[in-house]
Amino acid sequence: MTILGFPPDLLVLQAFTGLALGAVYVLLAVGLSLIFGMLTVVNFAHGAFFMLGAYAGVFLLAAGGNFWVCLVGVPLLVGAVGLFVERFLVRRLYGRHIDDPLLLTFGLTYVFVELVRIGWGKQALPFDAPEILQGTVDIGIGYFPLYRLFVIGVTAAVLLGLWLFIERTRYGLIIRAGARDPTIVRVLGVDVGRVWLLVFGLGTGLAGLAGVLAAPLQGVSPEMGTTVLAEAFVVTVVGGMGSLVGGIVAGLLVGVTVAMSALLLPEMSKVAMFLLMAVVLLLRPQGLFGRAGLMS
């Protein structure tokens, strides 16, 4: 039996490939949504932080670390860069038009890319997965790359930890309250600036983690953040700007859409996600889980 001319097992394996791609999109979109939902900042440097994550992994490996050290160290390093950017650059633009921080972070993208080119050159660099994660594993319907399953598992663990942080901790409560009404939170005596700093660092740290996880799948290059930035914004718009649940659902949906279109209609694989975004926006302009009027 075949479906659209393909064996069912092949279609399911391709869907799993889409889930692994979607897992990277989810980490990017959740970080982007965190920053926008709390700070109302459209972070156009998010793709650059993704790229910095991959190069931070290269740096840690060259310094004598291993892949497992990178998984812990990269989000901390990239998050620290995010803290600096928020504290000394983005914070000066709060309360101004939404285009001002957008233009600032857009410019930062070029700064980061040029700094990386100066430090590591323009050529792409390899980044191998650890030997224990190489090869394939039988998932019942066929053999699937073990590293892609690992990416899915890490993303699920990170999302669980993020949910527990937001739903079960004092800072998480403040973040949720601040996303709804930062003025009231400030009146209650909370240092909103410190919360904004934490959120920006957390969002950029997630982008860095996505970068180091994606590095064994696509290599490391200074331009790797440019393409993924457009993809991250597609996911965020489809899910709804500022919605964490939307980022998760849309990330997986876009990943599966791209993977399945690459199999069924290869000539459409580059535009499939944009067609999906167009359909969603026609039916629901604020995205699947977004709130109307959030951009105003």
C-alpha atoms as a PDB file:
ATOM      1  CA  MET A   1       0.000   0.000   0.000  1.00  0.00           C
ATOM      2  CA  THR A   2       1.219   3.485  -0.828  1.00  0.00           C
ATOM      3  CA  ILE A   3       0.061   6.995   0.046  1.00  0.00           C
ATOM      4  CA  LEU A   4       0.580   9.600  -2.679  1.00  0.00           C
ATOM      5  CA  GLY A   5       2.978   7.148  -4.270  1.00  0.00           C
ATOM      6  CA  PHE A   6       5.149   6.716  -1.165  1.00  0.00           C
ATOM      7  CA  PRO A   7       5.275   3.880   1.380  1.00  0.00           C
ATOM      8  CA  PRO A   8       3.664   4.865   4.715  1.00  0.00           C
ATOM      9  CA  ASP A   9       6.877   4.066   6.603  1.00  0.00           C
ATOM     10  CA  LEU A  10       8.796   6.572   4.504  1.00  0.00           C
ATOM     11  CA  LEU A  11       6.196   9.273   5.158  1.00  0.00           C
ATOM     12  CA  VAL A  12       6.349   8.682   8.921  1.00  0.00           C
ATOM     13  CA  LEU A  13      10.164   8.761   8.906  1.00  0.00           C
ATOM     14  CA  GLN A  14      10.047  12.033   6.967  1.00  0.00           C
ATOM     15  CA  ALA A  15       7.595  13.417   9.518  1.00  0.00           C
ATOM     16  CA  PHE A  16      10.098  12.525  12.266  1.00  0.00           C
ATOM     17  CA  THR A  17      12.759  14.392  10.288  1.00  0.00           C
ATOM     18  CA  GLY A  18      10.405  17.371  10.318  1.00  0.00           C
ATOM     19  CA  LEU A  19      10.008  17.089  14.087  1.00  0.00           C
ATOM     20  CA  ALA A  20      13.796  17.275  14.527  1.00  0.00           C
ATOM     21  CA  LEU A  21      13.927  20.365  12.316  1.00  0.00           C
ATOM     22  CA  GLY A  22      10.904  21.737  14.127  1.00  0.00           C
ATOM     23  CA  ALA A  23      12.636  21.247  17.485  1.00  0.00           C
ATOM     24  CA  VAL A  24      15.299  23.767  16.443  1.00  0.00           C
ATOM     25  CA  TYR A  25      12.573  26.127  15.246  1.00  0.00           C
ATOM     26  CA  VAL A  26      10.786  25.735  18.585  1.00  0.00           C
ATOM     27  CA  LEU A  27      13.827  26.804  20.606  1.00  0.00           C
ATOM     28  CA  LEU A  28      14.276  29.831  18.366  1.00  0.00           C
ATOM     29  CA  ALA A  29      10.605  30.803  18.375  1.00  0.00           C
ATOM     30  CA  VAL A  30      10.180  30.382  22.128  1.00  0.00           C
ATOM     31  CA  GLY A  31      13.163  32.654  22.782  1.00  0.00           C
ATOM     32  CA  LEU A  32      11.858  35.185  20.284  1.00  0.00           C
ATOM     33  CA  SER A  33       8.362  35.044  21.778  1.00  0.00           C
ATOM     34  CA  LEU A  34       9.676  35.421  25.324  1.00  0.00           C
ATOM     35  CA  ILE A  35      11.498  38.610  24.399  1.00  0.00           C
ATOM     36  CA  PHE A  36       8.618  40.062  22.423  1.00  0.00           C
ATOM     37  CA  GLY A  37       5.903  39.019  24.861  1.00  0.00           C
ATOM     38  CA  MET A  38       7.650  40.617  27.838  1.00  0.00           C
ATOM     39  CA  LEU A  39       9.662  43.484  26.345  1.00  0.00           C
ATOM     40  CA  THR A  40       7.685  44.139  23.129  1.00  0.00           C
ATOM     41  CA  VAL A  41      11.045  44.083  21.333  1.00  0.00           C
ATOM     42  CA  VAL A  42      11.237  42.538  17.870  1.00  0.00           C
ATOM     43  CA  ASN A  43      14.722  41.055  18.186  1.00  0.00           C
ATOM     44  CA  PHE A  44      16.134  41.049  14.662  1.00  0.00           C
ATOM     45  CA  ALA A  45      19.490  39.865  16.059  1.00  0.00           C
ATOM     46  CA  HIS A  46      17.970  36.523  17.094  1.00  0.00           C
ATOM     47  CA  GLY A  47      19.478  34.755  14.081  1.00  0.00           C
ATOM     48  CA  ALA A  48      22.866  36.239  14.975  1.00  0.00           C
ATOM     49  CA  PHE A  49      22.574  34.829  18.516  1.00  0.00           C
ATOM     50  CA  PHE A  50      21.779  31.453  16.896  1.00  0.00           C
ATOM     51  CA  MET A  51      24.971  31.780  14.854  1.00  0.00           C
ATOM     52  CA  LEU A  52      26.953  32.858  17.930  1.00  0.00           C
ATOM     53  CA  GLY A  53      25.759  29.682  19.650  1.00  0.00           C
ATOM     54  CA  ALA A  54      27.317  27.550  16.937  1.00  0.00           C
ATOM     55  CA  TYR A  55      30.599  29.477  17.050  1.00  0.00           C
ATOM     56  CA  ALA A  56      30.625  29.425  20.845  1.00  0.00           C
ATOM     57  CA  GLY A  57      30.498  25.636  20.497  1.00  0.00           C
ATOM     58  CA  VAL A  58      33.470  25.769  18.112  1.00  0.00           C
ATOM     59  CA  PHE A  59      35.337  27.943  20.625  1.00  0.00           C
ATOM     60  CA  LEU A  60      34.651  25.614  23.560  1.00  0.00           C
ATOM     61  CA  LEU A  61      35.718  22.558  21.563  1.00  0.00           C
ATOM     62  CA  ALA A  62      38.958  24.281  20.559  1.00  0.00           C
ATOM     63  CA  ALA A  63      39.525  25.198  24.216  1.00  0.00           C
ATOM     64  CA  GLY A  64      39.506  21.521  25.158  1.00  0.00           C
ATOM     65  CA  GLY A  65      35.851  20.984  25.965  1.00  0.00           C
ATOM     66  CA  ASN A  66      33.506  18.415  24.503  1.00  0.00           C
ATOM     67  CA  PHE A  67      29.985  18.393  23.098  1.00  0.00           C
ATOM     68  CA  TRP A  68      28.401  17.976  26.539  1.00  0.00           C
ATOM     69  CA  VAL A  69      30.306  20.969  27.862  1.00  0.00           C
ATOM     70  CA  CYS A  70      29.014  22.922  24.864  1.00  0.00           C
ATOM     71  CA  LEU A  71      25.396  22.080  25.674  1.00  0.00           C
ATOM     72  CA  VAL A  72      25.796  23.735  29.072  1.00  0.00           C
ATOM     73  CA  GLY A  73      28.362  26.409  28.290  1.00  0.00           C
ATOM     74  CA  VAL A  74      26.972  27.777  25.023  1.00  0.00           C
ATOM     75  CA  PRO A  75      23.602  28.983  26.391  1.00  0.00           C
ATOM     76  CA  LEU A  76      25.440  30.640  29.287  1.00  0.00           C
ATOM     77  CA  LEU A  77      27.936  32.400  27.002  1.00  0.00           C
ATOM     78  CA  VAL A  78      25.348  33.545  24.466  1.00  0.00           C
ATOM     79  CA  GLY A  79      22.941  34.480  27.249  1.00  0.00           C
ATOM     80  CA  ALA A  80      25.694  36.620  28.790  1.00  0.00           C
ATOM     81  CA  VAL A  81      26.088  38.456  25.479  1.00  0.00           C
ATOM     82  CA  GLY A  82      22.318  38.936  25.496  1.00  0.00           C
ATOM     83  CA  LEU A  83      22.479  40.412  29.011  1.00  0.00           C
ATOM     84  CA  PHE A  84      25.069  42.926  27.840  1.00  0.00           C
ATOM     85  CA  VAL A  85      23.016  43.874  24.766  1.00  0.00           C
ATOM     86  CA  GLU A  86      19.853  44.381  26.809  1.00  0.00           C
ATOM     87  CA  ARG A  87      21.478  46.326  29.623  1.00  0.00           C
ATOM     88  CA  PHE A  88      23.574  48.736  27.598  1.00  0.00           C
ATOM     89  CA  LEU A  89      21.798  48.978  24.234  1.00  0.00           C
ATOM     90  CA  VAL A  90      18.188  47.780  24.071  1.00  0.00           C
ATOM     91  CA  ARG A  91      17.171  49.203  27.453  1.00  0.00           C
ATOM     92  CA  ARG A  92      17.835  52.737  26.251  1.00  0.00           C
ATOM     93  CA  LEU A  93      15.065  52.348  23.679  1.00  0.00           C
ATOM     94  CA  TYR A  94      12.212  51.177  25.914  1.00  0.00           C
ATOM     95  CA  GLY A  95       9.161  53.370  25.620  1.00  0.00           C
ATOM     96  CA  ARG A  96      10.074  54.501  22.130  1.00  0.00           C
ATOM     97  CA  HIS A  97       8.553  53.361  18.847  1.00  0.00           C
ATOM     98  CA  ILE A  98       8.745  49.608  18.227  1.00  0.00           C
ATOM     99  CA  ASP A  99      10.873  50.256  15.124  1.00  0.00           C
ATOM    100  CA  ASP A 100      13.766  51.676  17.181  1.00  0.00           C
ATOM    101  CA  PRO A 101      14.877  48.446  18.923  1.00  0.00           C
ATOM    102  CA  LEU A 102      14.105  46.567  15.687  1.00  0.00           C
ATOM    103  CA  LEU A 103      16.587  48.744  13.782  1.00  0.00           C
ATOM    104  CA  LEU A 104      19.136  48.471  16.594  1.00  0.00           C
ATOM    105  CA  THR A 105      19.027  44.667  16.661  1.00  0.00           C
ATOM    106  CA  PHE A 106      19.048  44.586  12.851  1.00  0.00           C
ATOM    107  CA  GLY A 107      22.312  46.517  12.906  1.00  0.00           C
ATOM    108  CA  LEU A 108      23.727  44.269  15.620  1.00  0.00           C
ATOM    109  CA  THR A 109      23.290  41.320  13.279  1.00  0.00           C
ATOM    110  CA  TYR A 110      25.861  42.761  10.881  1.00  0.00           C
ATOM    111  CA  VAL A 111      28.216  43.607  13.736  1.00  0.00           C
ATOM    112  CA  PHE A 112      28.142  40.034  15.064  1.00  0.00           C
ATOM    113  CA  VAL A 113      28.567  38.503  11.611  1.00  0.00           C
ATOM    114  CA  GLU A 114      31.599  40.680  10.827  1.00  0.00           C
ATOM    115  CA  LEU A 115      33.176  39.941  14.212  1.00  0.00           C
ATOM    116  CA  VAL A 116      32.801  36.217  13.562  1.00  0.00           C
ATOM    117  CA  ARG A 117      34.326  36.577  10.096  1.00  0.00           C
ATOM    118  CA  ILE A 118      37.291  38.383  11.642  1.00  0.00           C
ATOM    119  CA  GLY A 119      37.726  35.692  14.295  1.00  0.00           C
ATOM    120  CA  TRP A 120      37.065  32.499  12.315  1.00  0.00           C
ATOM    121  CA  GLY A 121      37.091  33.487   8.654  1.00  0.00           C
ATOM    122  CA  LYS A 122      34.391  33.273   6.014  1.00  0.00           C
ATOM    123  CA  GLN A 123      34.587  29.543   5.332  1.00  0.00           C
ATOM    124  CA  ALA A 124      32.132  27.090   6.838  1.00  0.00           C
ATOM    125  CA  LEU A 125      33.452  24.910   9.661  1.00  0.00           C
ATOM    126  CA  PRO A 126      32.514  21.291  10.447  1.00  0.00           C
ATOM    127  CA  PHE A 127      30.954  20.436  13.785  1.00  0.00           C
ATOM    128  CA  ASP A 128      30.624  16.721  14.459  1.00  0.00           C
ATOM    129  CA  ALA A 129      28.164  15.154  16.852  1.00  0.00           C
ATOM    130  CA  PRO A 130      29.779  13.036  19.599  1.00  0.00           C
ATOM    131  CA  GLU A 131      30.480   9.462  18.585  1.00  0.00           C
ATOM    132  CA  ILE A 132      27.847   8.107  20.979  1.00  0.00           C
ATOM    133  CA  LEU A 133      25.139  10.040  19.083  1.00  0.00           C
ATOM    134  CA  GLN A 134      26.240   9.047  15.593  1.00  0.00           C
ATOM    135  CA  GLY A 135      24.568   6.326  13.573  1.00  0.00           C
ATOM    136  CA  THR A 136      20.936   5.301  13.429  1.00  0.00           C
ATOM    137  CA  VAL A 137      18.441   3.593  15.703  1.00  0.00           C
ATOM    138  CA  ASP A 138      15.417   1.420  14.937  1.00  0.00           C
ATOM    139  CA  ILE A 139      12.230   3.272  15.939  1.00  0.00           C
ATOM    140  CA  GLY A 140       9.880   0.502  14.863  1.00  0.00           C
ATOM    141  CA  ILE A 141       9.096   1.768  11.372  1.00  0.00           C
ATOM    142  CA  GLY A 142      12.662   2.062  10.170  1.00  0.00           C
ATOM    143  CA  TYR A 143      16.056   3.441  11.089  1.00  0.00           C
ATOM    144  CA  PHE A 144      16.340   7.079  12.093  1.00  0.00           C
ATOM    145  CA  PRO A 145      19.443   9.193  12.848  1.00  0.00           C
ATOM    146  CA  LEU A 146      20.159   9.013  16.563  1.00  0.00           C
ATOM    147  CA  TYR A 147      21.330  12.621  16.751  1.00  0.00           C
ATOM    148  CA  ARG A 148      18.004  13.921  15.410  1.00  0.00           C
ATOM    149  CA  LEU A 149      16.181  11.988  18.128  1.00  0.00           C
ATOM    150  CA  PHE A 150      18.574  13.522  20.639  1.00  0.00           C
ATOM    151  CA  VAL A 151      17.690  17.041  19.400  1.00  0.00           C
ATOM    152  CA  ILE A 152      13.992  16.271  19.870  1.00  0.00           C
ATOM    153  CA  GLY A 153      14.645  14.941  23.373  1.00  0.00           C
ATOM    154  CA  VAL A 154      16.778  17.915  24.444  1.00  0.00           C
ATOM    155  CA  THR A 155      14.148  20.346  23.173  1.00  0.00           C
ATOM    156  CA  ALA A 156      11.415  18.517  25.092  1.00  0.00           C
ATOM    157  CA  ALA A 157      13.521  18.614  28.287  1.00  0.00           C
ATOM    158  CA  VAL A 158      14.268  22.327  27.864  1.00  0.00           C
ATOM    159  CA  LEU A 159      10.593  23.119  27.284  1.00  0.00           C
ATOM    160  CA  LEU A 160       9.632  21.163  30.394  1.00  0.00           C
ATOM    161  CA  GLY A 161      12.199  23.071  32.442  1.00  0.00           C
ATOM    162  CA  LEU A 162      11.015  26.370  30.992  1.00  0.00           C
ATOM    163  CA  TRP A 163       7.389  25.528  31.820  1.00  0.00           C
ATOM    164  CA  LEU A 164       8.301  24.649  35.399  1.00  0.00           C
ATOM    165  CA  PHE A 165      10.277  27.901  35.695  1.00  0.00           C
ATOM    166  CA  ILE A 166       7.450  30.069  34.366  1.00  0.00           C
ATOM    167  CA  GLU A 167       4.590  28.283  36.124  1.00  0.00           C
ATOM    168  CA  ARG A 168       6.173  27.230  39.424  1.00  0.00           C
ATOM    169  CA  THR A 169       8.641  29.947  40.431  1.00  0.00           C
ATOM    170  CA  ARG A 170       8.343  33.498  41.721  1.00  0.00           C
ATOM    171  CA  TYR A 171      10.261  34.894  38.770  1.00  0.00           C
ATOM    172  CA  GLY A 172       7.991  32.981  36.416  1.00  0.00           C
ATOM    173  CA  LEU A 173       4.964  34.565  38.076  1.00  0.00           C
ATOM    174  CA  ILE A 174       6.536  38.011  37.683  1.00  0.00           C
ATOM    175  CA  ILE A 175       7.302  37.323  34.015  1.00  0.00           C
ATOM    176  CA  ARG A 176       3.703  36.293  33.346  1.00  0.00           C
ATOM    177  CA  ALA A 177       2.363  39.300  35.214  1.00  0.00           C
ATOM    178  CA  GLY A 178       4.821  41.666  33.557  1.00  0.00           C
ATOM    179  CA  ALA A 179       3.832  40.455  30.104  1.00  0.00           C
ATOM    180  CA  ARG A 180       0.253  41.509  30.873  1.00  0.00           C
ATOM    181  CA  ASP A 181       0.819  44.785  32.770  1.00  0.00           C
ATOM    182  CA  PRO A 182       4.385  45.887  33.595  1.00  0.00           C
ATOM    183  CA  THR A 183       3.119  49.090  35.219  1.00  0.00           C
ATOM    184  CA  ILE A 184       1.224  47.212  37.935  1.00  0.00           C
ATOM    185  CA  VAL A 185       4.242  44.969  38.552  1.00  0.00           C
ATOM    186  CA  ARG A 186       6.411  48.056  39.010  1.00  0.00           C
ATOM    187  CA  VAL A 187       3.880  49.582  41.410  1.00  0.00           C
ATOM    188  CA  LEU A 188       4.079  46.409  43.500  1.00  0.00           C
ATOM    189  CA  GLY A 189       7.772  47.087  44.068  1.00  0.00           C
ATOM    190  CA  VAL A 190       9.279  44.636  41.583  1.00  0.00           C
ATOM    191  CA  ASP A 191      12.464  45.694  39.790  1.00  0.00           C
ATOM    192  CA  VAL A 192      11.090  45.294  36.268  1.00  0.00           C
ATOM    193  CA  GLY A 193      14.460  46.160  34.755  1.00  0.00           C
ATOM    194  CA  ARG A 194      15.997  43.083  36.361  1.00  0.00           C
ATOM    195  CA  VAL A 195      13.165  40.922  35.014  1.00  0.00           C
ATOM    196  CA  TRP A 196      13.619  42.345  31.509  1.00  0.00           C
ATOM    197  CA  LEU A 197      17.320  41.573  31.759  1.00  0.00           C
ATOM    198  CA  LEU A 198      16.589  37.978  32.769  1.00  0.00           C
ATOM    199  CA  VAL A 199      14.066  37.487  29.966  1.00  0.00           C
ATOM    200  CA  PHE A 200      16.367  38.845  27.272  1.00  0.00           C
ATOM    201  CA  GLY A 201      19.240  36.695  28.512  1.00  0.00           C
ATOM    202  CA  LEU A 202      17.004  33.625  28.648  1.00  0.00           C
ATOM    203  CA  GLY A 203      15.656  34.221  25.141  1.00  0.00           C
ATOM    204  CA  THR A 204      19.096  34.714  23.613  1.00  0.00           C
ATOM    205  CA  GLY A 205      20.448  31.723  25.558  1.00  0.00           C
ATOM    206  CA  LEU A 206      17.762  29.547  23.943  1.00  0.00           C
ATOM    207  CA  ALA A 207      18.840  30.848  20.532  1.00  0.00           C
ATOM    208  CA  GLY A 208      22.438  29.911  21.359  1.00  0.00           C
ATOM    209  CA  LEU A 209      21.371  26.416  22.402  1.00  0.00           C
ATOM    210  CA  ALA A 210      19.472  26.045  19.123  1.00  0.00           C
ATOM    211  CA  GLY A 211      22.624  27.071  17.262  1.00  0.00           C
ATOM    212  CA  VAL A 212      24.895  24.491  18.870  1.00  0.00           C
ATOM    213  CA  LEU A 213      22.255  21.760  18.424  1.00  0.00           C
ATOM    214  CA  ALA A 214      21.853  22.656  14.745  1.00  0.00           C
ATOM    215  CA  ALA A 215      25.617  22.815  14.094  1.00  0.00           C
ATOM    216  CA  PRO A 216      26.110  19.037  13.540  1.00  0.00           C
ATOM    217  CA  LEU A 217      23.108  19.057  11.174  1.00  0.00           C
ATOM    218  CA  GLN A 218      24.178  21.935   8.915  1.00  0.00           C
ATOM    219  CA  GLY A 219      27.730  22.963   9.767  1.00  0.00           C
ATOM    220  CA  VAL A 220      28.854  26.341  11.076  1.00  0.00           C
ATOM    221  CA  SER A 221      29.108  29.491   8.954  1.00  0.00           C
ATOM    222  CA  PRO A 222      28.782  33.252   9.527  1.00  0.00           C
ATOM    223  CA  GLU A 223      25.629  33.400   7.371  1.00  0.00           C
ATOM    224  CA  MET A 224      23.788  30.550   9.086  1.00  0.00           C
ATOM    225  CA  GLY A 225      21.764  32.973  11.205  1.00  0.00           C
ATOM    226  CA  THR A 226      20.412  34.937   8.237  1.00  0.00           C
ATOM    227  CA  THR A 227      18.266  32.155   6.800  1.00  0.00           C
ATOM    228  CA  VAL A 228      17.130  30.847  10.150  1.00  0.00           C
ATOM    229  CA  LEU A 229      16.012  34.333  11.215  1.00  0.00           C
ATOM    230  CA  ALA A 230      13.381  34.396   8.460  1.00  0.00           C
ATOM    231  CA  GLU A 231      12.302  30.891   9.451  1.00  0.00           C
ATOM    232  CA  ALA A 232      12.102  31.849  13.126  1.00  0.00           C
ATOM    233  CA  PHE A 233       9.886  34.822  12.335  1.00  0.00           C
ATOM    234  CA  VAL A 234       7.630  32.656  10.180  1.00  0.00           C
ATOM    235  CA  VAL A 235       7.211  30.273  13.116  1.00  0.00           C
ATOM    236  CA  THR A 236       6.601  33.132  15.545  1.00  0.00           C
ATOM    237  CA  VAL A 237       4.035  34.792  13.274  1.00  0.00           C
ATOM    238  CA  VAL A 238       2.224  31.510  12.606  1.00  0.00           C
ATOM    239  CA  GLY A 239       2.077  30.699  16.314  1.00  0.00           C
ATOM    240  CA  GLY A 240       1.231  34.257  17.336  1.00  0.00           C
ATOM    241  CA  MET A 241       3.653  36.982  18.426  1.00  0.00           C
ATOM    242  CA  GLY A 242       4.439  36.649  22.114  1.00  0.00           C
ATOM    243  CA  SER A 243       2.788  33.228  22.553  1.00  0.00           C
ATOM    244  CA  LEU A 244       5.031  30.481  23.940  1.00  0.00           C
ATOM    245  CA  VAL A 245       2.476  27.757  23.218  1.00  0.00           C
ATOM    246  CA  GLY A 246       2.114  29.155  19.717  1.00  0.00           C
ATOM    247  CA  GLY A 247       5.874  29.009  19.213  1.00  0.00           C
ATOM    248  CA  ILE A 248       5.964  25.337  20.202  1.00  0.00           C
ATOM    249  CA  VAL A 249       3.008  24.275  18.053  1.00  0.00           C
ATOM    250  CA  ALA A 250       4.032  26.382  15.067  1.00  0.00           C
ATOM    251  CA  GLY A 251       7.679  25.270  15.265  1.00  0.00           C
ATOM    252  CA  LEU A 252       6.734  21.619  14.996  1.00  0.00           C
ATOM    253  CA  LEU A 253       4.094  22.376  12.348  1.00  0.00           C
ATOM    254  CA  VAL A 254       6.514  24.345  10.186  1.00  0.00           C
ATOM    255  CA  GLY A 255       9.247  21.717  10.582  1.00  0.00           C
ATOM    256  CA  VAL A 256       6.934  18.913   9.457  1.00  0.00           C
ATOM    257  CA  THR A 257       5.588  21.084   6.616  1.00  0.00           C
ATOM    258  CA  VAL A 258       9.097  21.763   5.294  1.00  0.00           C
ATOM    259  CA  ALA A 259      10.155  18.112   5.583  1.00  0.00           C
ATOM    260  CA  MET A 260       7.025  16.716   3.941  1.00  0.00           C
ATOM    261  CA  SER A 261       7.086  19.250   1.109  1.00  0.00           C
ATOM    262  CA  ALA A 262      10.744  18.355   0.460  1.00  0.00           C
ATOM    263  CA  LEU A 263       9.615  14.757  -0.075  1.00  0.00           C
ATOM    264  CA  LEU A 264       6.286  15.238  -1.861  1.00  0.00           C
ATOM    265  CA  LEU A 265       6.929  18.484  -3.794  1.00  0.00           C
ATOM    266  CA  PRO A 266      10.689  19.214  -3.755  1.00  0.00           C
ATOM    267  CA  GLU A 267      10.302  22.291  -5.936  1.00  0.00           C
ATOM    268  CA  MET A 268       7.980  23.780  -3.283  1.00  0.00           C
ATOM    269  CA  SER A 269      10.133  23.006  -0.248  1.00  0.00           C
ATOM    270  CA  LYS A 270      11.619  26.527  -0.058  1.00  0.00           C
ATOM    271  CA  VAL A 271       8.267  28.300  -0.077  1.00  0.00           C
ATOM    272  CA  ALA A 272       6.057  25.811   1.791  1.00  0.00           C
ATOM    273  CA  MET A 273       6.465  27.540   5.161  1.00  0.00           C
ATOM    274  CA  PHE A 274       5.624  30.919   3.658  1.00  0.00           C
ATOM    275  CA  LEU A 275       2.495  29.499   2.052  1.00  0.00           C
ATOM    276  CA  LEU A 276       1.548  28.063   5.446  1.00  0.00           C
ATOM    277  CA  MET A 277       2.081  31.480   7.030  1.00  0.00           C
ATOM    278  CA  ALA A 278      -0.055  33.149   4.363  1.00  0.00           C
ATOM    279  CA  VAL A 279      -2.928  30.699   4.926  1.00  0.00           C
ATOM    280  CA  VAL A 280      -2.790  31.131   8.716  1.00  0.00           C
ATOM    281  CA  LEU A 281      -2.717  34.932   8.495  1.00  0.00           C
ATOM    282  CA  LEU A 282      -5.651  34.957   6.069  1.00  0.00           C
ATOM    283  CA  LEU A 283      -7.719  32.866   8.474  1.00  0.00           C
ATOM    284  CA  ARG A 284      -6.390  34.299  11.743  1.00  0.00           C
ATOM    285  CA  PRO A 285      -4.334  37.506  11.387  1.00  0.00           C
ATOM    286  CA  GLN A 286      -2.959  37.356  14.959  1.00  0.00           C
ATOM    287  CA  GLY A 287      -1.614  33.803  14.463  1.00  0.00           C
ATOM    288  CA  LEU A 288      -2.812  30.526  15.930  1.00  0.00           C
ATOM    289  CA  PHE A 289      -2.410  31.537  19.591  1.00  0.00           C
ATOM    290  CA  GLY A 290      -1.687  35.262  19.366  1.00  0.00           C
ATOM    291  CA  ARG A 291      -3.675  38.152  20.829  1.00  0.00           C
ATOM    292  CA  ALA A 292      -5.151  40.721  18.500  1.00  0.00           C
ATOM    293  CA  GLY A 293      -3.657  44.199  18.789  1.00  0.00           C
ATOM    294  CA  LEU A 294      -0.384  43.128  20.419  1.00  0.00           C
ATOM    295  CA  MET A 295       1.729  44.931  17.838  1.00  0.00           C
ATOM    296  CA  SER A 296      -0.127  48.224  18.255  1.00  0.00           C
END
